[in-house]
Amino acid sequence: MDEAKDTENDRREAGSAPLPFRAAVDALKAARLRPQIEVEPTPPPKRLAPHSYALEAAVVDGDQDLADGRLVLLHDPAGHDAWRGTFRLVTLVRAELEPEMAADPLLPEVCWSWLTGALQARGLTGGEPSGTVTRASSHYFGGLSARPAASQIEIRASWTPREGLGGVPDTAAHLAAWCDLLAQIAGLPPAVPGDASVVTLPQRRGPQSR
């Protein structure tokens, strides 16, 4: 019963949202993406901005998830000083890596360049970018000692998309760029054949929880 009320409240909020936000969300819903990436809406955070919409995605190979992430669109019609705009995109992307690759001292810089490069490759700019690249290793002992050591890379970032006609950013293009980043961190080949400038890391191909 509570879930039904929440859904109805979300519909009311969507109907009362400003037109630029609704147009930006509609563009996200209509975006066409590469088939290896499964995208679906997820409950957005409620306190970061007056209006928000969120998607979660996974790069899927058979029954395995090679990478996953979340993209959140925020909108404040009054503008936000830190954003220098009325929209903001916030993302989390993560994937497992082979331990020797996770030990590369240049890995954080490379992963951040994948994000900025994905935007630039689609002719996009990300204003006021900020974020972190975190790598972590897990080693198992005792009853879990049979599990192999695991390493994970995680990118958290946010940026302000440039607003176009009617104050609406090209959210579909930003979503496509974000999916390019997901595919790259998952070790998939570039979407455009023959693009030798894209370098990907080999990923751990074992099953991941979704």
C-alpha atoms as a PDB file:
ATOM      1  CA  MET A   1       0.000   0.000   0.000  1.00  0.00           C
ATOM      2  CA  ASP A   2       2.832   2.395   0.914  1.00  0.00           C
ATOM      3  CA  GLU A   3       4.603   1.555  -2.356  1.00  0.00           C
ATOM      4  CA  ALA A   4       1.455   2.458  -4.313  1.00  0.00           C
ATOM      5  CA  LYS A   5       1.249   5.794  -2.487  1.00  0.00           C
ATOM      6  CA  ASP A   6       4.919   6.508  -3.236  1.00  0.00           C
ATOM      7  CA  THR A   7       4.351   5.770  -6.928  1.00  0.00           C
ATOM      8  CA  GLU A   8       1.352   8.084  -7.040  1.00  0.00           C
ATOM      9  CA  ASN A   9       3.315  10.820  -5.283  1.00  0.00           C
ATOM     10  CA  ASP A  10       6.135  10.432  -7.804  1.00  0.00           C
ATOM     11  CA  ARG A  11       3.644  10.839 -10.660  1.00  0.00           C
ATOM     12  CA  ARG A  12       2.260  14.008  -9.116  1.00  0.00           C
ATOM     13  CA  GLU A  13       5.758  15.405  -8.660  1.00  0.00           C
ATOM     14  CA  ALA A  14       6.643  14.580 -12.271  1.00  0.00           C
ATOM     15  CA  GLY A  15       3.486  16.303 -13.516  1.00  0.00           C
ATOM     16  CA  SER A  16       4.211  19.448 -11.522  1.00  0.00           C
ATOM     17  CA  ALA A  17       7.899  19.593 -12.442  1.00  0.00           C
ATOM     18  CA  PRO A  18       9.156  22.454 -14.648  1.00  0.00           C
ATOM     19  CA  LEU A  19       9.006  21.877 -18.393  1.00  0.00           C
ATOM     20  CA  PRO A  20      12.824  21.889 -18.883  1.00  0.00           C
ATOM     21  CA  PHE A  21      13.192  19.111 -16.322  1.00  0.00           C
ATOM     22  CA  ARG A  22      10.405  17.038 -17.872  1.00  0.00           C
ATOM     23  CA  ALA A  23      11.969  17.473 -21.316  1.00  0.00           C
ATOM     24  CA  ALA A  24      15.372  16.424 -19.970  1.00  0.00           C
ATOM     25  CA  VAL A  25      13.868  13.306 -18.372  1.00  0.00           C
ATOM     26  CA  ASP A  26      11.924  12.437 -21.535  1.00  0.00           C
ATOM     27  CA  ALA A  27      15.181  12.590 -23.499  1.00  0.00           C
ATOM     28  CA  LEU A  28      16.799  10.153 -21.066  1.00  0.00           C
ATOM     29  CA  LYS A  29      13.892   7.738 -21.444  1.00  0.00           C
ATOM     30  CA  ALA A  30      14.039   7.900 -25.256  1.00  0.00           C
ATOM     31  CA  ALA A  31      17.813   7.465 -25.598  1.00  0.00           C
ATOM     32  CA  ARG A  32      19.007   4.496 -27.672  1.00  0.00           C
ATOM     33  CA  LEU A  33      21.992   2.711 -26.155  1.00  0.00           C
ATOM     34  CA  ARG A  34      24.287  -0.161 -27.045  1.00  0.00           C
ATOM     35  CA  PRO A  35      22.642  -3.541 -26.367  1.00  0.00           C
ATOM     36  CA  GLN A  36      25.198  -4.795 -23.818  1.00  0.00           C
ATOM     37  CA  ILE A  37      24.055  -2.137 -21.354  1.00  0.00           C
ATOM     38  CA  GLU A  38      20.832  -2.645 -19.426  1.00  0.00           C
ATOM     39  CA  VAL A  39      19.341   0.588 -18.072  1.00  0.00           C
ATOM     40  CA  GLU A  40      16.307   1.073 -15.866  1.00  0.00           C
ATOM     41  CA  PRO A  41      14.929   3.831 -13.624  1.00  0.00           C
ATOM     42  CA  THR A  42      15.613   3.705  -9.916  1.00  0.00           C
ATOM     43  CA  PRO A  43      14.347   5.832  -7.000  1.00  0.00           C
ATOM     44  CA  PRO A  44      16.258   9.137  -7.021  1.00  0.00           C
ATOM     45  CA  PRO A  45      17.625  10.965  -3.990  1.00  0.00           C
ATOM     46  CA  LYS A  46      15.074  13.396  -2.590  1.00  0.00           C
ATOM     47  CA  ARG A  47      17.186  15.994  -0.786  1.00  0.00           C
ATOM     48  CA  LEU A  48      19.880  16.990  -3.268  1.00  0.00           C
ATOM     49  CA  ALA A  49      17.658  19.201  -5.419  1.00  0.00           C
ATOM     50  CA  PRO A  50      13.982  20.159  -5.821  1.00  0.00           C
ATOM     51  CA  HIS A  51      13.686  17.771  -8.785  1.00  0.00           C
ATOM     52  CA  SER A  52      15.640  14.581  -9.507  1.00  0.00           C
ATOM     53  CA  TYR A  53      15.557  11.509 -11.719  1.00  0.00           C
ATOM     54  CA  ALA A  54      17.839   8.470 -11.541  1.00  0.00           C
ATOM     55  CA  LEU A  55      18.880   5.537 -13.692  1.00  0.00           C
ATOM     56  CA  GLU A  56      20.900   2.456 -12.866  1.00  0.00           C
ATOM     57  CA  ALA A  57      22.760   0.417 -15.456  1.00  0.00           C
ATOM     58  CA  ALA A  58      24.785  -2.751 -15.822  1.00  0.00           C
ATOM     59  CA  VAL A  59      27.095  -3.972 -18.565  1.00  0.00           C
ATOM     60  CA  VAL A  60      25.970  -7.545 -19.111  1.00  0.00           C
ATOM     61  CA  ASP A  61      27.780 -10.462 -20.744  1.00  0.00           C
ATOM     62  CA  GLY A  62      25.537 -13.525 -20.575  1.00  0.00           C
ATOM     63  CA  ASP A  63      24.684 -13.935 -16.897  1.00  0.00           C
ATOM     64  CA  GLN A  64      27.625 -11.823 -15.712  1.00  0.00           C
ATOM     65  CA  ASP A  65      27.731  -8.142 -14.811  1.00  0.00           C
ATOM     66  CA  LEU A  66      31.040  -6.641 -15.923  1.00  0.00           C
ATOM     67  CA  ALA A  67      30.341  -3.163 -14.537  1.00  0.00           C
ATOM     68  CA  ASP A  68      27.462  -1.236 -13.043  1.00  0.00           C
ATOM     69  CA  GLY A  69      26.577   2.305 -12.138  1.00  0.00           C
ATOM     70  CA  ARG A  70      24.026   4.969 -11.388  1.00  0.00           C
ATOM     71  CA  LEU A  71      23.312   8.296 -13.072  1.00  0.00           C
ATOM     72  CA  VAL A  72      21.263  10.987 -11.330  1.00  0.00           C
ATOM     73  CA  LEU A  73      19.847  14.107 -12.970  1.00  0.00           C
ATOM     74  CA  LEU A  74      19.292  17.020 -10.571  1.00  0.00           C
ATOM     75  CA  HIS A  75      17.401  20.228 -11.320  1.00  0.00           C
ATOM     76  CA  ASP A  76      17.021  23.415  -9.338  1.00  0.00           C
ATOM     77  CA  PRO A  77      15.016  26.023 -11.306  1.00  0.00           C
ATOM     78  CA  ALA A  78      16.454  28.790  -9.113  1.00  0.00           C
ATOM     79  CA  GLY A  79      19.984  27.855 -10.072  1.00  0.00           C
ATOM     80  CA  HIS A  80      22.807  26.614  -7.886  1.00  0.00           C
ATOM     81  CA  ASP A  81      25.995  28.595  -7.227  1.00  0.00           C
ATOM     82  CA  ALA A  82      28.223  25.520  -7.014  1.00  0.00           C
ATOM     83  CA  TRP A  83      26.781  24.096 -10.244  1.00  0.00           C
ATOM     84  CA  ARG A  84      26.814  27.384 -12.176  1.00  0.00           C
ATOM     85  CA  GLY A  85      23.586  26.225 -13.782  1.00  0.00           C
ATOM     86  CA  THR A  86      20.189  24.723 -13.051  1.00  0.00           C
ATOM     87  CA  PHE A  87      21.049  21.100 -13.883  1.00  0.00           C
ATOM     88  CA  ARG A  88      23.633  18.723 -12.490  1.00  0.00           C
ATOM     89  CA  LEU A  89      24.553  15.129 -13.369  1.00  0.00           C
ATOM     90  CA  VAL A  90      25.893  12.876 -10.622  1.00  0.00           C
ATOM     91  CA  THR A  91      27.325   9.445 -11.295  1.00  0.00           C
ATOM     92  CA  LEU A  92      28.759   6.324  -9.729  1.00  0.00           C
ATOM     93  CA  VAL A  93      30.511   3.708 -11.894  1.00  0.00           C
ATOM     94  CA  ARG A  94      32.269   0.606 -10.619  1.00  0.00           C
ATOM     95  CA  ALA A  95      33.827  -2.595 -11.912  1.00  0.00           C
ATOM     96  CA  GLU A  96      36.088  -5.396 -10.744  1.00  0.00           C
ATOM     97  CA  LEU A  97      39.647  -5.578 -12.051  1.00  0.00           C
ATOM     98  CA  GLU A  98      42.484  -8.044 -12.042  1.00  0.00           C
ATOM     99  CA  PRO A  99      44.658  -7.240  -8.981  1.00  0.00           C
ATOM    100  CA  GLU A 100      47.776  -6.517 -11.044  1.00  0.00           C
ATOM    101  CA  MET A 101      45.880  -3.918 -13.078  1.00  0.00           C
ATOM    102  CA  ALA A 102      44.506  -2.301  -9.920  1.00  0.00           C
ATOM    103  CA  ALA A 103      48.097  -1.865  -8.718  1.00  0.00           C
ATOM    104  CA  ASP A 104      48.940   0.444 -11.638  1.00  0.00           C
ATOM    105  CA  PRO A 105      49.841   3.826 -10.045  1.00  0.00           C
ATOM    106  CA  LEU A 106      48.380   5.697 -13.029  1.00  0.00           C
ATOM    107  CA  LEU A 107      45.001   3.959 -12.846  1.00  0.00           C
ATOM    108  CA  PRO A 108      43.093   6.817 -11.118  1.00  0.00           C
ATOM    109  CA  GLU A 109      44.262   9.390 -13.678  1.00  0.00           C
ATOM    110  CA  VAL A 110      43.439   7.022 -16.549  1.00  0.00           C
ATOM    111  CA  CYS A 111      39.932   6.345 -15.245  1.00  0.00           C
ATOM    112  CA  TRP A 112      39.207  10.059 -14.777  1.00  0.00           C
ATOM    113  CA  SER A 113      40.405  10.694 -18.336  1.00  0.00           C
ATOM    114  CA  TRP A 114      37.906   8.064 -19.529  1.00  0.00           C
ATOM    115  CA  LEU A 115      35.072  10.162 -18.104  1.00  0.00           C
ATOM    116  CA  THR A 116      36.245  13.450 -19.587  1.00  0.00           C
ATOM    117  CA  GLY A 117      37.162  11.714 -22.845  1.00  0.00           C
ATOM    118  CA  ALA A 118      33.727  10.087 -23.138  1.00  0.00           C
ATOM    119  CA  LEU A 119      32.094  13.527 -22.910  1.00  0.00           C
ATOM    120  CA  GLN A 120      34.534  15.137 -25.352  1.00  0.00           C
ATOM    121  CA  ALA A 121      34.114  12.304 -27.872  1.00  0.00           C
ATOM    122  CA  ARG A 122      30.433  13.218 -28.156  1.00  0.00           C
ATOM    123  CA  GLY A 123      31.071  16.949 -28.356  1.00  0.00           C
ATOM    124  CA  LEU A 124      29.905  17.589 -24.802  1.00  0.00           C
ATOM    125  CA  THR A 125      31.307  19.752 -22.047  1.00  0.00           C
ATOM    126  CA  GLY A 126      31.001  19.124 -18.339  1.00  0.00           C
ATOM    127  CA  GLY A 127      31.062  22.363 -16.384  1.00  0.00           C
ATOM    128  CA  GLU A 128      32.386  22.506 -12.809  1.00  0.00           C
ATOM    129  CA  PRO A 129      33.501  18.848 -12.830  1.00  0.00           C
ATOM    130  CA  SER A 130      34.409  17.154  -9.561  1.00  0.00           C
ATOM    131  CA  GLY A 131      34.858  13.604  -8.399  1.00  0.00           C
ATOM    132  CA  THR A 132      36.958  10.798  -6.995  1.00  0.00           C
ATOM    133  CA  VAL A 133      38.484   7.583  -8.313  1.00  0.00           C
ATOM    134  CA  THR A 134      38.825   4.885  -5.657  1.00  0.00           C
ATOM    135  CA  ARG A 135      40.405   1.469  -5.896  1.00  0.00           C
ATOM    136  CA  ALA A 136      40.034  -1.191  -3.240  1.00  0.00           C
ATOM    137  CA  SER A 137      41.322  -4.724  -2.759  1.00  0.00           C
ATOM    138  CA  SER A 138      39.681  -7.523  -0.783  1.00  0.00           C
ATOM    139  CA  HIS A 139      41.530 -10.549   0.573  1.00  0.00           C
ATOM    140  CA  TYR A 140      39.634 -13.429   2.154  1.00  0.00           C
ATOM    141  CA  PHE A 141      40.560 -15.526   5.199  1.00  0.00           C
ATOM    142  CA  GLY A 142      39.227 -18.329   7.361  1.00  0.00           C
ATOM    143  CA  GLY A 143      35.991 -19.753   6.029  1.00  0.00           C
ATOM    144  CA  LEU A 144      36.249 -17.471   2.990  1.00  0.00           C
ATOM    145  CA  SER A 145      39.873 -18.292   2.148  1.00  0.00           C
ATOM    146  CA  ALA A 146      38.842 -20.235  -0.989  1.00  0.00           C
ATOM    147  CA  ARG A 147      37.764 -17.003  -2.645  1.00  0.00           C
ATOM    148  CA  PRO A 148      40.362 -15.316  -4.841  1.00  0.00           C
ATOM    149  CA  ALA A 149      41.490 -11.804  -4.000  1.00  0.00           C
ATOM    150  CA  ALA A 150      39.313  -9.172  -5.661  1.00  0.00           C
ATOM    151  CA  SER A 151      39.998  -5.585  -6.704  1.00  0.00           C
ATOM    152  CA  GLN A 152      37.454  -2.935  -7.610  1.00  0.00           C
ATOM    153  CA  ILE A 153      37.621   0.487  -9.222  1.00  0.00           C
ATOM    154  CA  GLU A 154      34.974   3.090  -8.464  1.00  0.00           C
ATOM    155  CA  ILE A 155      34.395   6.467 -10.113  1.00  0.00           C
ATOM    156  CA  ARG A 156      32.193   9.061  -8.431  1.00  0.00           C
ATOM    157  CA  ALA A 157      31.724  12.292 -10.339  1.00  0.00           C
ATOM    158  CA  SER A 158      29.410  15.187 -11.045  1.00  0.00           C
ATOM    159  CA  TRP A 159      29.295  17.882 -13.703  1.00  0.00           C
ATOM    160  CA  THR A 160      27.008  20.579 -15.061  1.00  0.00           C
ATOM    161  CA  PRO A 161      25.638  19.887 -18.563  1.00  0.00           C
ATOM    162  CA  ARG A 162      25.406  22.859 -20.901  1.00  0.00           C
ATOM    163  CA  GLU A 163      21.822  24.029 -21.267  1.00  0.00           C
ATOM    164  CA  GLY A 164      20.511  24.351 -24.798  1.00  0.00           C
ATOM    165  CA  LEU A 165      17.316  25.670 -26.339  1.00  0.00           C
ATOM    166  CA  GLY A 166      14.663  26.323 -23.719  1.00  0.00           C
ATOM    167  CA  GLY A 167      17.174  25.757 -20.936  1.00  0.00           C
ATOM    168  CA  VAL A 168      17.234  21.998 -21.598  1.00  0.00           C
ATOM    169  CA  PRO A 169      20.558  20.109 -21.669  1.00  0.00           C
ATOM    170  CA  ASP A 170      21.158  17.285 -24.147  1.00  0.00           C
ATOM    171  CA  THR A 171      20.683  14.592 -21.536  1.00  0.00           C
ATOM    172  CA  ALA A 172      20.419  11.807 -24.117  1.00  0.00           C
ATOM    173  CA  ALA A 173      23.943  12.577 -25.335  1.00  0.00           C
ATOM    174  CA  HIS A 174      25.257  12.739 -21.773  1.00  0.00           C
ATOM    175  CA  LEU A 175      23.640   9.373 -21.046  1.00  0.00           C
ATOM    176  CA  ALA A 176      25.270   7.900 -24.168  1.00  0.00           C
ATOM    177  CA  ALA A 177      28.662   9.256 -23.058  1.00  0.00           C
ATOM    178  CA  TRP A 178      28.126   7.812 -19.599  1.00  0.00           C
ATOM    179  CA  CYS A 179      27.337   4.430 -21.147  1.00  0.00           C
ATOM    180  CA  ASP A 180      30.547   4.731 -23.175  1.00  0.00           C
ATOM    181  CA  LEU A 181      32.381   5.110 -19.867  1.00  0.00           C
ATOM    182  CA  LEU A 182      30.591   2.071 -18.437  1.00  0.00           C
ATOM    183  CA  ALA A 183      31.489   0.008 -21.487  1.00  0.00           C
ATOM    184  CA  GLN A 184      35.109   1.124 -21.348  1.00  0.00           C
ATOM    185  CA  ILE A 185      35.577   0.295 -17.673  1.00  0.00           C
ATOM    186  CA  ALA A 186      33.931  -3.091 -18.363  1.00  0.00           C
ATOM    187  CA  GLY A 187      36.530  -3.858 -21.013  1.00  0.00           C
ATOM    188  CA  LEU A 188      34.190  -3.777 -24.018  1.00  0.00           C
ATOM    189  CA  PRO A 189      35.553  -2.646 -27.395  1.00  0.00           C
ATOM    190  CA  PRO A 190      34.701   0.917 -28.445  1.00  0.00           C
ATOM    191  CA  ALA A 191      31.321   1.477 -30.042  1.00  0.00           C
ATOM    192  CA  VAL A 192      33.007   2.877 -33.151  1.00  0.00           C
ATOM    193  CA  PRO A 193      35.110   0.151 -34.840  1.00  0.00           C
ATOM    194  CA  GLY A 194      38.718   1.047 -35.477  1.00  0.00           C
ATOM    195  CA  ASP A 195      39.048   3.678 -32.745  1.00  0.00           C
ATOM    196  CA  ALA A 196      42.573   2.822 -31.670  1.00  0.00           C
ATOM    197  CA  SER A 197      42.737   5.765 -29.258  1.00  0.00           C
ATOM    198  CA  VAL A 198      40.539   3.940 -26.741  1.00  0.00           C
ATOM    199  CA  VAL A 199      42.408   1.749 -24.279  1.00  0.00           C
ATOM    200  CA  THR A 200      40.499  -0.566 -21.963  1.00  0.00           C
ATOM    201  CA  LEU A 201      41.533  -2.664 -19.008  1.00  0.00           C
ATOM    202  CA  PRO A 202      40.971  -6.432 -18.915  1.00  0.00           C
ATOM    203  CA  GLN A 203      38.268  -7.192 -16.391  1.00  0.00           C
ATOM    204  CA  ARG A 204      37.640  -9.985 -13.963  1.00  0.00           C
ATOM    205  CA  ARG A 205      35.050 -12.125 -15.772  1.00  0.00           C
ATOM    206  CA  GLY A 206      33.655 -13.859 -12.709  1.00  0.00           C
ATOM    207  CA  PRO A 207      30.001 -13.292 -11.735  1.00  0.00           C
ATOM    208  CA  GLN A 208      29.133 -10.155  -9.833  1.00  0.00           C
ATOM    209  CA  SER A 209      26.092  -9.486  -7.710  1.00  0.00           C
ATOM    210  CA  ARG A 210      23.543  -7.249  -9.393  1.00  0.00           C
END
